[in-house]
Amino acid sequence: MKKLLLLLLSSITLTLHAQEPQKGNFDYPITKKTSNPLFVEFDSPMYGSDEIGPLYTADPSAHVWTIDGKEELYLYASHDMAPHRGCDRMDRYHVFSTEDMVHWTDHGEILNADDVREQGGWGIEGFMWAPDCAYNPADETYYFYFPHPDYAPDGSHIWHIGVATSKFPDRDFKVVGWVEGAPSLIDPCVFVDDDGQPYIYNGGGAKCYGGKLRKDDWTKLDGDMKPMEGLVDFHEATWIHKYKGRYYLSHSDNNNFRDGNQMKYAVSDSPLGPWKDMGIYMYPTGVETNHGSIVEFRGKWYAFYHTGNYSGIGALRSVCFDPIEHDRKGRLQIVRNYGNPYRNKWPVIGSNRKHVTVQAEHYNDGGYHYAYFKHRDARPGNAPAYQPTDEPMGISTANGITYINDLTKGEWVRYSVKVKEAGRYDIVCTMATAADGTKFHLCVNGHNKSGEVKLDSSGWYPIELRGIELQAGEQYLDFRIDSGRLDFDRMEIISEHTE
């Protein structure tokens, strides 16, 4: 009887075990068809629990390697762990690859903070920030560079640029130390010139340094790193690419405490400057930070960056990419990551046209991420508050009015316009809300131009935004909901000089 009971209990245990649902797919490599925002379809463990959520990635470092005679794009990214704690909880670097920019392979985790402590004997938990990677054909080795802090003798933190090496681009990286003599700053970038000379850069907090690495040892400096001269409004995120014999240093600016980082660039005839500032190539994307890389792959140039357009949270970011072009003079053109006007028909304002009306339902083409952000059901546990959706915005018609209904906190909708003459314009929005405390703000090219605007619950009425400055040329307007919910019928853009 006792043996029979044990067998029965064993059977029940095996049956229960077999019925446990599998949580997440971590059988790397995993290949999926994915588009902006990238990689959120891949699984990630949540911090401190066995729950599974989207894989959040940031700080993309893109490189083209030739593997077995085939050209592939590899992308090295940092990982925002959820639930976030600012950027302190970043850990677990992943590497991705693609042959066609459509199907992406997640090769899995290649390094984390525990590895650094176990293999290198230094470091703390988290703080695995923006990395880079370089390939040395002389020793057929991939060098992975990463910023990571350690404890200083006085108990404070000091940043090192750690180095891990492997014979493969996507696995088996081992920590071999850090770059002695590099400034205690973040965001390493390693650029290999046509003659095989490697250069290293890092920076942060308005400081940018660059110098040579030894050709015979890519873990050591060849001389001191020096401040890069000529950069304007540098914040962090150094990246170097070369185009038609000239060197381009791209970086984020110090707009992060206002509307979010813009991406800028400078050019030089030398990889170590001096640099000439050339302005902006990407507007703010709706979250505080931005960090990018620029690379040519199969005859086309691409700009990689990150946004919060999937989570709606600035510390849970997702890598994105879009084409980028150099004009005939080598100048970088603004990355068009903001969609196109509805049915490619541009609303025009300025010069002889003093008034234009844009219906709210005529928002930009391009879909989710480019033209609008919409979310739906609340999510359980520690995941972000809402799931995004690529369904179109809700459109309703009542009493002869067609409008976007129920825009809620965190959602936004975008419109492109063509401005003939720079100046200040009044923008009158017809809106309604049934929720007390509903607020929104207007962004022009990613910049908050209105401050928070509060609605009252008195039905449809015009909201006047006076003196909004618009530059000449193609501009885009975002309406971003800060709290509550609202319905949006139309906007009118009016020259201030109209009687």
Protein backbone atom coordinates (compact mmCIF):
# COMPACT_ATOMS: atom_id res chain seq x y z
CA MET A 1 0.00 0.00 0.00
CA LYS A 2 2.87 2.39 0.87
CA LYS A 3 4.63 1.65 -2.44
CA LEU A 4 1.37 2.24 -4.33
CA LEU A 5 0.89 5.61 -2.59
CA LEU A 6 4.47 6.68 -3.45
CA LEU A 7 3.95 5.72 -7.10
CA LEU A 8 0.67 7.66 -7.16
CA LEU A 9 2.29 10.76 -5.66
CA SER A 10 5.17 10.49 -8.12
CA SER A 11 2.69 10.30 -11.00
CA ILE A 12 0.83 13.36 -9.75
CA THR A 13 4.14 15.26 -9.40
CA LEU A 14 5.21 14.38 -12.95
CA THR A 15 1.80 15.33 -14.33
CA LEU A 16 1.80 18.70 -12.57
CA HIS A 17 5.34 19.40 -13.77
CA ALA A 18 4.41 18.56 -17.35
CA GLN A 19 1.46 20.96 -17.22
CA GLU A 20 3.49 23.96 -16.06
CA PRO A 21 3.46 26.58 -18.82
CA GLN A 22 6.77 27.49 -20.40
CA LYS A 23 7.73 31.06 -19.54
CA GLY A 24 9.62 32.68 -22.38
CA ASN A 25 11.80 31.45 -25.21
CA PHE A 26 15.52 31.67 -24.45
CA ASP A 27 16.76 28.97 -26.81
CA TYR A 28 19.24 31.20 -28.67
CA PRO A 29 19.78 32.07 -31.42
CA ILE A 30 16.21 33.19 -32.10
CA THR A 31 15.23 34.81 -35.41
CA LYS A 32 12.11 36.92 -35.93
CA LYS A 33 10.76 39.35 -38.47
CA THR A 34 10.60 42.67 -36.67
CA SER A 35 10.25 46.39 -37.35
CA ASN A 36 10.49 49.59 -35.31
CA PRO A 37 10.65 49.50 -32.37
CA LEU A 38 13.01 46.51 -32.69
CA PHE A 39 13.36 43.43 -30.47
CA VAL A 40 10.31 43.92 -28.23
CA GLU A 41 8.92 40.67 -29.66
CA PHE A 42 11.82 38.82 -27.99
CA ASP A 43 11.43 37.64 -24.39
CA SER A 44 13.26 39.01 -21.38
CA PRO A 45 13.13 38.02 -17.71
CA MET A 46 11.91 40.74 -15.38
CA TYR A 47 14.28 41.97 -12.71
CA GLY A 48 14.00 40.01 -9.47
CA SER A 49 11.19 37.69 -10.63
CA ASP A 50 10.42 34.83 -12.99
CA GLU A 51 7.91 36.91 -14.96
CA ILE A 52 8.59 37.46 -18.66
CA GLY A 53 8.29 40.76 -20.50
CA PRO A 54 9.50 42.47 -23.69
CA LEU A 55 13.22 42.82 -24.35
CA TYR A 56 14.06 46.53 -23.97
CA THR A 57 17.25 47.69 -25.67
CA ALA A 58 19.12 50.99 -25.98
CA ASP A 59 22.41 52.60 -27.09
CA PRO A 60 22.73 50.73 -30.43
CA SER A 61 26.23 50.17 -31.81
CA ALA A 62 25.95 48.90 -35.41
CA HIS A 63 28.77 47.26 -37.37
CA VAL A 64 29.05 45.35 -40.62
CA TRP A 65 31.15 42.19 -40.42
CA THR A 66 31.92 39.69 -43.17
CA ILE A 67 31.13 36.24 -41.77
CA ASP A 68 31.98 33.19 -43.93
CA GLY A 69 32.15 35.44 -46.97
CA LYS A 70 28.73 36.98 -46.27
CA GLU A 71 28.17 40.59 -45.21
CA GLU A 72 25.98 40.90 -42.12
CA LEU A 73 25.03 43.78 -39.87
CA TYR A 74 25.66 43.17 -36.16
CA LEU A 75 24.17 45.35 -33.48
CA TYR A 76 25.41 45.56 -29.88
CA ALA A 77 22.95 47.06 -27.41
CA SER A 78 22.53 47.74 -23.73
CA HIS A 79 19.51 46.28 -21.94
CA ASP A 80 16.97 48.18 -19.85
CA MET A 81 15.75 45.78 -17.16
CA ALA A 82 12.10 46.03 -16.12
CA PRO A 83 10.85 47.17 -13.72
CA HIS A 84 13.32 50.00 -14.21
CA ARG A 85 15.19 52.01 -11.60
CA GLY A 86 16.20 54.88 -13.81
CA CYS A 87 19.21 53.61 -15.76
CA ASP A 88 20.86 51.99 -12.72
CA ARG A 89 19.46 48.53 -13.42
CA MET A 90 20.80 48.17 -16.98
CA ASP A 91 22.54 44.82 -17.42
CA ARG A 92 22.95 41.83 -19.78
CA TYR A 93 24.34 43.02 -23.11
CA HIS A 94 22.73 41.34 -26.11
CA VAL A 95 23.95 41.08 -29.70
CA PHE A 96 21.70 40.94 -32.76
CA SER A 97 22.37 40.38 -36.46
CA THR A 98 20.55 40.71 -39.78
CA GLU A 99 21.17 40.06 -43.44
CA ASP A 100 18.21 42.01 -44.81
CA MET A 101 17.19 44.59 -42.11
CA VAL A 102 13.88 42.72 -41.81
CA HIS A 103 14.71 39.42 -40.11
CA TRP A 104 16.77 39.86 -36.95
CA THR A 105 18.52 37.21 -34.88
CA ASP A 106 18.94 37.60 -31.13
CA HIS A 107 22.12 35.71 -30.25
CA GLY A 108 21.41 36.15 -26.57
CA GLU A 109 23.31 37.65 -23.70
CA ILE A 110 27.07 38.04 -24.18
CA LEU A 111 28.08 39.77 -20.95
CA ASN A 112 26.64 41.02 -17.66
CA ALA A 113 27.83 42.64 -14.43
CA ASP A 114 28.21 39.27 -12.67
CA ASP A 115 30.57 38.15 -15.46
CA VAL A 116 32.73 41.24 -14.93
CA ARG A 117 33.03 40.54 -11.22
CA GLU A 118 33.72 36.84 -11.73
CA GLN A 119 36.12 37.15 -14.67
CA GLY A 120 37.69 40.55 -14.03
CA GLY A 121 37.40 40.94 -10.26
CA TRP A 122 35.86 44.41 -10.37
CA GLY A 123 32.56 46.22 -10.87
CA ILE A 124 29.17 46.55 -9.19
CA GLU A 125 25.60 45.43 -9.89
CA GLY A 126 23.91 46.95 -12.95
CA PHE A 127 25.34 50.02 -14.73
CA MET A 128 26.24 48.18 -17.94
CA TRP A 129 25.82 51.23 -20.14
CA ALA A 130 26.37 51.99 -23.85
CA PRO A 131 28.91 49.56 -25.43
CA ASP A 132 30.82 49.22 -28.70
CA CYS A 133 32.64 46.46 -30.57
CA ALA A 134 35.54 46.33 -33.05
CA TYR A 135 37.18 43.57 -35.10
CA ASN A 136 40.95 43.22 -35.48
CA PRO A 137 41.78 41.11 -38.57
CA ALA A 138 45.43 40.83 -37.47
CA ASP A 139 44.56 38.54 -34.54
CA GLU A 140 41.07 37.60 -35.78
CA THR A 141 39.56 38.84 -32.54
CA TYR A 142 36.46 40.85 -31.65
CA TYR A 143 36.98 43.46 -28.93
CA PHE A 144 33.91 44.43 -26.91
CA TYR A 145 34.23 47.75 -25.05
CA PHE A 146 31.83 48.65 -22.26
CA PRO A 147 31.62 51.34 -19.55
CA HIS A 148 31.21 49.98 -16.04
CA PRO A 149 31.93 51.52 -12.61
CA ASP A 150 34.04 50.13 -9.79
CA TYR A 151 34.54 51.27 -6.22
CA ALA A 152 37.21 53.91 -5.69
CA PRO A 153 39.35 53.84 -2.51
CA ASP A 154 37.16 56.55 -0.94
CA GLY A 155 34.01 54.48 -1.56
CA SER A 156 32.80 56.50 -4.53
CA HIS A 157 32.45 55.11 -8.06
CA ILE A 158 35.03 55.36 -10.81
CA TRP A 159 34.19 54.44 -14.41
CA HIS A 160 36.36 52.10 -16.45
CA ILE A 161 36.18 51.22 -20.13
CA GLY A 162 36.16 47.46 -19.82
CA VAL A 163 37.31 45.11 -22.59
CA ALA A 164 36.11 41.60 -23.36
CA THR A 165 37.39 39.56 -26.30
CA SER A 166 36.20 36.65 -28.42
CA LYS A 167 36.94 34.89 -31.69
CA PHE A 168 33.25 35.22 -32.51
CA PRO A 169 31.06 38.32 -32.90
CA ASP A 170 28.11 36.89 -30.98
CA ARG A 171 29.37 34.67 -28.13
CA ASP A 172 32.21 33.52 -25.86
CA PHE A 173 33.34 36.99 -24.75
CA LYS A 174 35.72 36.99 -21.77
CA VAL A 175 36.73 40.02 -19.73
CA VAL A 176 40.44 40.81 -20.13
CA GLY A 177 40.63 44.11 -18.19
CA TRP A 178 40.04 47.75 -18.92
CA VAL A 179 41.70 50.49 -20.95
CA GLU A 180 44.27 51.98 -18.56
CA GLY A 181 44.49 55.76 -18.81
CA ALA A 182 41.07 56.33 -20.39
CA PRO A 183 39.14 59.15 -18.66
CA SER A 184 36.63 58.05 -16.02
CA LEU A 185 33.73 58.64 -18.40
CA ILE A 186 31.20 56.55 -20.32
CA ASP A 187 30.12 55.68 -23.88
CA PRO A 188 33.19 54.12 -25.54
CA CYS A 189 33.43 54.24 -29.32
CA VAL A 190 36.19 52.50 -31.29
CA PHE A 191 36.78 53.49 -34.90
CA VAL A 192 39.19 51.59 -37.17
CA ASP A 193 40.55 53.69 -40.02
CA ASP A 194 41.33 52.43 -43.51
CA ASP A 195 45.00 51.88 -42.58
CA GLY A 196 44.00 49.60 -39.69
CA GLN A 197 44.75 52.16 -36.96
CA PRO A 198 42.20 51.90 -34.11
CA TYR A 199 41.00 55.04 -32.33
CA ILE A 200 39.05 55.15 -29.07
CA TYR A 201 36.69 57.84 -27.81
CA ASN A 202 34.62 58.27 -24.68
CA GLY A 203 32.81 61.07 -22.89
CA GLY A 204 29.85 62.35 -20.96
CA GLY A 205 28.72 65.43 -19.09
CA ALA A 206 29.84 67.79 -21.89
CA LYS A 207 33.33 66.21 -22.16
CA CYS A 208 34.59 64.21 -25.14
CA TYR A 209 38.02 62.58 -25.41
CA GLY A 210 39.76 60.69 -28.20
CA GLY A 211 43.06 58.94 -28.79
CA LYS A 212 44.81 56.02 -30.43
CA LEU A 213 44.90 52.40 -29.38
CA ARG A 214 48.07 50.42 -29.93
CA LYS A 215 47.99 48.51 -33.20
CA ASP A 216 49.56 45.49 -31.53
CA ASP A 217 47.27 45.57 -28.48
CA TRP A 218 43.74 46.97 -28.74
CA THR A 219 43.35 46.98 -24.96
CA LYS A 220 46.03 49.67 -24.46
CA LEU A 221 46.34 53.34 -25.37
CA ASP A 222 49.02 54.61 -27.73
CA GLY A 223 49.61 57.94 -25.99
CA ASP A 224 47.16 60.03 -24.01
CA MET A 225 43.52 60.63 -24.87
CA LYS A 226 42.86 64.33 -25.46
CA PRO A 227 39.77 66.59 -25.47
CA MET A 228 38.07 66.82 -28.86
CA GLU A 229 38.10 70.46 -29.99
CA GLY A 230 35.36 72.25 -31.90
CA LEU A 231 32.33 70.29 -30.70
CA VAL A 232 29.26 72.37 -29.86
CA ASP A 233 26.77 71.36 -27.15
CA PHE A 234 28.27 67.90 -26.69
CA HIS A 235 26.56 65.70 -24.10
CA GLU A 236 27.53 62.04 -24.70
CA ALA A 237 27.13 59.15 -27.19
CA THR A 238 30.20 59.62 -29.41
CA TRP A 239 30.14 57.76 -32.72
CA ILE A 240 32.55 57.99 -35.67
CA HIS A 241 31.92 57.13 -39.29
CA LYS A 242 33.83 58.02 -42.45
CA TYR A 243 32.31 59.26 -45.69
CA LYS A 244 34.25 60.22 -48.83
CA GLY A 245 37.48 60.72 -46.91
CA ARG A 246 36.03 62.88 -44.13
CA TYR A 247 35.39 61.92 -40.52
CA TYR A 248 32.00 62.42 -38.88
CA LEU A 249 31.62 62.58 -35.10
CA SER A 250 27.98 62.25 -34.11
CA HIS A 251 26.71 62.74 -30.56
CA SER A 252 23.74 63.69 -28.41
CA ASP A 253 23.29 67.28 -27.23
CA ASN A 254 22.29 68.77 -23.87
CA ASN A 255 18.61 69.11 -24.69
CA ASN A 256 17.86 66.08 -22.49
CA PHE A 257 16.63 68.14 -19.53
CA ARG A 258 14.10 69.98 -21.70
CA ASP A 259 12.53 67.92 -24.49
CA GLY A 260 15.00 65.05 -24.93
CA ASN A 261 18.36 64.72 -26.66
CA GLN A 262 18.74 65.85 -30.24
CA MET A 263 21.45 64.12 -32.27
CA LYS A 264 24.17 66.34 -33.71
CA TYR A 265 27.32 65.85 -35.77
CA ALA A 266 30.62 67.48 -36.60
CA VAL A 267 33.15 66.84 -39.39
CA SER A 268 36.95 66.84 -39.67
CA ASP A 269 39.77 65.88 -42.00
CA SER A 270 41.38 64.00 -39.09
CA PRO A 271 39.92 61.28 -36.83
CA LEU A 272 41.02 63.32 -33.81
CA GLY A 273 39.80 66.71 -35.00
CA PRO A 274 39.64 69.63 -34.68
CA TRP A 275 35.94 69.32 -35.47
CA LYS A 276 33.50 71.65 -37.22
CA ASP A 277 29.96 71.58 -35.86
CA MET A 278 27.36 70.87 -38.55
CA GLY A 279 24.15 70.95 -36.53
CA ILE A 280 21.33 68.48 -35.94
CA TYR A 281 20.53 65.29 -37.81
CA MET A 282 17.75 63.96 -35.53
CA TYR A 283 15.08 65.75 -33.50
CA PRO A 284 14.06 64.64 -29.98
CA THR A 285 12.07 61.40 -29.97
CA GLY A 286 9.85 61.96 -26.95
CA VAL A 287 12.06 60.61 -24.17
CA GLU A 288 14.93 62.22 -22.28
CA THR A 289 17.84 60.36 -23.88
CA ASN A 290 19.02 59.46 -27.34
CA HIS A 291 22.10 57.57 -28.45
CA GLY A 292 22.94 56.51 -31.97
CA SER A 293 25.22 54.99 -34.55
CA ILE A 294 25.49 55.53 -38.30
CA VAL A 295 26.56 52.74 -40.66
CA GLU A 296 26.54 51.80 -44.35
CA PHE A 297 25.13 48.40 -45.20
CA ARG A 298 24.76 47.07 -48.73
CA GLY A 299 24.92 50.49 -50.34
CA LYS A 300 22.54 52.30 -47.97
CA TRP A 301 23.24 54.40 -44.89
CA TYR A 302 21.24 53.88 -41.70
CA ALA A 303 20.88 55.80 -38.45
CA PHE A 304 20.25 53.70 -35.34
CA TYR A 305 18.80 55.28 -32.20
CA HIS A 306 16.43 54.49 -29.34
CA THR A 307 13.01 55.71 -28.21
CA GLY A 308 10.44 54.97 -25.53
CA ASN A 309 7.69 54.49 -28.14
CA TYR A 310 6.90 50.95 -27.06
CA SER A 311 6.87 51.17 -23.28
CA GLY A 312 5.87 54.81 -22.99
CA ILE A 313 8.60 55.02 -20.32
CA GLY A 314 11.89 56.86 -20.84
CA ALA A 315 13.95 54.28 -18.93
CA LEU A 316 12.53 51.31 -20.87
CA ARG A 317 13.77 52.05 -24.36
CA SER A 318 13.76 50.26 -27.70
CA VAL A 319 16.26 50.40 -30.55
CA CYS A 320 15.02 51.77 -33.88
CA PHE A 321 16.58 52.56 -37.24
CA ASP A 322 15.80 54.63 -40.33
CA PRO A 323 17.64 55.57 -43.52
CA ILE A 324 19.92 58.59 -43.41
CA GLU A 325 21.36 60.48 -46.36
CA HIS A 326 24.42 62.62 -47.09
CA ASP A 327 23.68 65.41 -49.57
CA ARG A 328 26.00 66.39 -52.42
CA LYS A 329 28.14 68.42 -50.03
CA GLY A 330 28.35 65.57 -47.54
CA ARG A 331 25.93 67.10 -45.05
CA LEU A 332 23.72 64.72 -43.08
CA GLN A 333 20.03 65.18 -43.73
CA ILE A 334 17.43 65.12 -40.92
CA VAL A 335 16.32 61.54 -40.23
CA ARG A 336 12.70 61.18 -41.30
CA ASN A 337 11.43 59.19 -38.33
CA TYR A 338 8.18 61.16 -38.10
CA GLY A 339 6.01 59.83 -40.93
CA ASN A 340 4.62 61.70 -43.94
CA PRO A 341 1.60 63.99 -44.32
CA TYR A 342 -1.79 62.37 -44.71
CA ARG A 343 -2.10 60.98 -48.25
CA ASN A 344 1.05 62.98 -49.03
CA LYS A 345 -0.98 66.19 -49.14
CA TRP A 346 0.89 68.96 -47.33
CA PRO A 347 -1.08 71.54 -45.34
CA VAL A 348 0.63 74.82 -46.25
CA ILE A 349 0.80 77.98 -44.13
CA GLY A 350 2.64 81.30 -44.51
CA SER A 351 3.33 83.93 -47.18
CA ASN A 352 0.02 84.52 -48.95
CA ARG A 353 -1.79 81.74 -47.11
CA LYS A 354 -2.79 83.04 -43.70
CA HIS A 355 -5.04 80.22 -42.50
CA VAL A 356 -5.12 76.42 -42.87
CA THR A 357 -7.39 73.85 -41.20
CA VAL A 358 -6.24 70.29 -40.54
CA GLN A 359 -8.80 67.69 -39.52
CA ALA A 360 -7.64 65.65 -36.52
CA GLU A 361 -8.32 62.35 -38.29
CA HIS A 362 -5.88 63.38 -41.05
CA TYR A 363 -2.81 62.54 -38.98
CA ASN A 364 0.45 61.46 -40.60
CA ASP A 365 0.85 58.28 -42.59
CA GLY A 366 3.40 55.75 -41.37
CA GLY A 367 1.51 54.01 -38.61
CA TYR A 368 2.45 53.30 -35.05
CA HIS A 369 5.81 54.81 -33.94
CA TYR A 370 5.94 57.28 -36.85
CA ALA A 371 2.48 58.90 -36.80
CA TYR A 372 0.88 58.07 -33.46
CA PHE A 373 1.23 56.17 -30.22
CA LYS A 374 -1.77 54.30 -28.91
CA HIS A 375 -2.09 51.92 -25.98
CA ARG A 376 -4.75 49.57 -24.79
CA ASP A 377 -5.24 47.02 -21.96
CA ALA A 378 -3.53 47.45 -18.62
CA ARG A 379 -0.79 44.87 -18.09
CA PRO A 380 -0.29 42.81 -14.92
CA GLY A 381 2.63 42.72 -12.53
CA ASN A 382 5.62 44.99 -12.89
CA ALA A 383 5.33 45.45 -16.64
CA PRO A 384 4.66 48.91 -18.14
CA ALA A 385 1.18 50.21 -17.51
CA TYR A 386 -0.19 49.72 -21.03
CA GLN A 387 0.34 47.58 -24.10
CA PRO A 388 0.92 49.63 -27.24
CA THR A 389 -1.04 48.79 -30.35
CA ASP A 390 -0.51 49.40 -34.05
CA GLU A 391 -4.25 49.68 -34.65
CA PRO A 392 -5.29 53.06 -36.13
CA MET A 393 -6.48 55.80 -33.83
CA GLY A 394 -10.17 55.58 -32.92
CA ILE A 395 -12.34 57.76 -35.19
CA SER A 396 -15.95 58.68 -34.35
CA THR A 397 -18.67 60.76 -35.97
CA ALA A 398 -21.42 62.45 -33.99
CA ASN A 399 -23.64 65.49 -34.69
CA GLY A 400 -21.83 66.04 -37.98
CA ILE A 401 -18.38 66.11 -36.36
CA THR A 402 -15.73 63.49 -37.21
CA TYR A 403 -13.00 63.34 -34.59
CA ILE A 404 -10.32 61.24 -32.88
CA ASN A 405 -11.90 59.85 -29.75
CA ASP A 406 -10.45 59.09 -26.36
CA LEU A 407 -6.81 60.12 -26.57
CA THR A 408 -5.48 59.17 -23.14
CA LYS A 409 -2.42 59.83 -20.99
CA GLY A 410 0.81 58.92 -22.75
CA GLU A 411 -0.70 58.81 -26.22
CA TRP A 412 0.21 61.19 -29.02
CA VAL A 413 -0.74 61.98 -32.61
CA ARG A 414 1.38 63.74 -35.28
CA TYR A 415 0.82 66.09 -38.24
CA SER A 416 3.28 67.37 -40.84
CA VAL A 417 2.90 70.86 -42.29
CA LYS A 418 4.83 72.99 -44.76
CA VAL A 419 5.68 76.49 -43.53
CA LYS A 420 6.41 79.06 -46.24
CA GLU A 421 7.61 81.81 -43.93
CA ALA A 422 9.25 81.48 -40.49
CA GLY A 423 7.42 83.29 -37.74
CA ARG A 424 4.90 83.02 -34.94
CA TYR A 425 1.53 81.43 -35.58
CA ASP A 426 -1.61 80.90 -33.55
CA ILE A 427 -2.78 77.29 -33.40
CA VAL A 428 -6.42 76.81 -32.43
CA CYS A 429 -7.45 73.28 -31.48
CA THR A 430 -11.07 72.20 -31.17
CA MET A 431 -11.20 69.61 -28.37
CA ALA A 432 -13.48 68.17 -25.73
CA THR A 433 -13.01 66.24 -22.50
CA ALA A 434 -15.19 64.67 -19.86
CA ALA A 435 -12.29 64.13 -17.45
CA ASP A 436 -11.28 66.84 -14.99
CA GLY A 437 -7.57 67.60 -15.03
CA THR A 438 -7.01 66.64 -18.67
CA LYS A 439 -3.79 68.20 -19.96
CA PHE A 440 -1.78 68.06 -23.19
CA HIS A 441 1.15 69.83 -24.78
CA LEU A 442 2.17 70.68 -28.33
CA CYS A 443 5.61 69.75 -29.68
CA VAL A 444 7.10 71.16 -32.87
CA ASN A 445 9.87 68.95 -34.25
CA GLY A 446 10.01 67.24 -30.88
CA HIS A 447 10.26 70.46 -28.84
CA ASN A 448 7.56 71.43 -26.33
CA LYS A 449 6.24 74.78 -27.55
CA SER A 450 3.10 75.23 -25.47
CA GLY A 451 3.81 73.95 -21.97
CA GLU A 452 1.01 71.99 -20.32
CA VAL A 453 -2.44 73.07 -21.48
CA LYS A 454 -5.43 72.24 -19.26
CA LEU A 455 -8.91 71.53 -20.60
CA ASP A 456 -12.24 71.91 -18.79
CA SER A 457 -15.23 69.64 -19.27
CA SER A 458 -17.56 72.05 -21.04
CA GLY A 459 -17.97 70.16 -24.34
CA TRP A 460 -16.40 71.13 -27.66
CA TYR A 461 -14.53 74.41 -27.53
CA PRO A 462 -11.44 76.04 -29.11
CA ILE A 463 -8.09 75.89 -27.30
CA GLU A 464 -5.92 78.81 -28.41
CA LEU A 465 -2.15 78.32 -28.47
CA ARG A 466 -0.81 81.75 -29.29
CA GLY A 467 2.54 82.76 -30.71
CA ILE A 468 3.85 79.28 -31.58
CA GLU A 469 7.16 79.71 -33.40
CA LEU A 470 7.47 77.73 -36.65
CA GLN A 471 10.56 77.62 -38.83
CA ALA A 472 10.33 77.67 -42.63
CA GLY A 473 10.20 74.31 -44.36
CA GLU A 474 8.73 70.94 -43.43
CA GLN A 475 7.74 70.82 -39.76
CA TYR A 476 5.81 68.29 -37.69
CA LEU A 477 3.45 68.89 -34.78
CA ASP A 478 2.80 66.35 -32.01
CA PHE A 479 -0.12 66.59 -29.59
CA ARG A 480 0.93 64.64 -26.48
CA ILE A 481 -1.55 63.82 -23.70
CA ASP A 482 -0.14 64.39 -20.20
CA SER A 483 -3.19 63.39 -18.13
CA GLY A 484 -6.86 62.52 -18.44
CA ARG A 485 -8.45 61.92 -21.85
CA LEU A 486 -9.67 64.08 -24.71
CA ASP A 487 -11.42 64.07 -28.07
CA PHE A 488 -9.80 66.02 -30.92
CA ASP A 489 -11.78 67.48 -33.83
CA ARG A 490 -9.42 69.80 -35.75
CA MET A 491 -6.65 72.36 -35.58
CA GLU A 492 -6.35 75.67 -37.36
CA ILE A 493 -2.98 77.32 -38.00
CA ILE A 494 -3.31 81.08 -38.38
CA SER A 495 -0.72 83.69 -39.23
CA GLU A 496 -0.46 86.25 -36.40
CA HIS A 497 -0.64 88.95 -39.04
CA THR A 498 -4.13 87.88 -40.17
CA GLU A 499 -6.79 90.47 -39.39
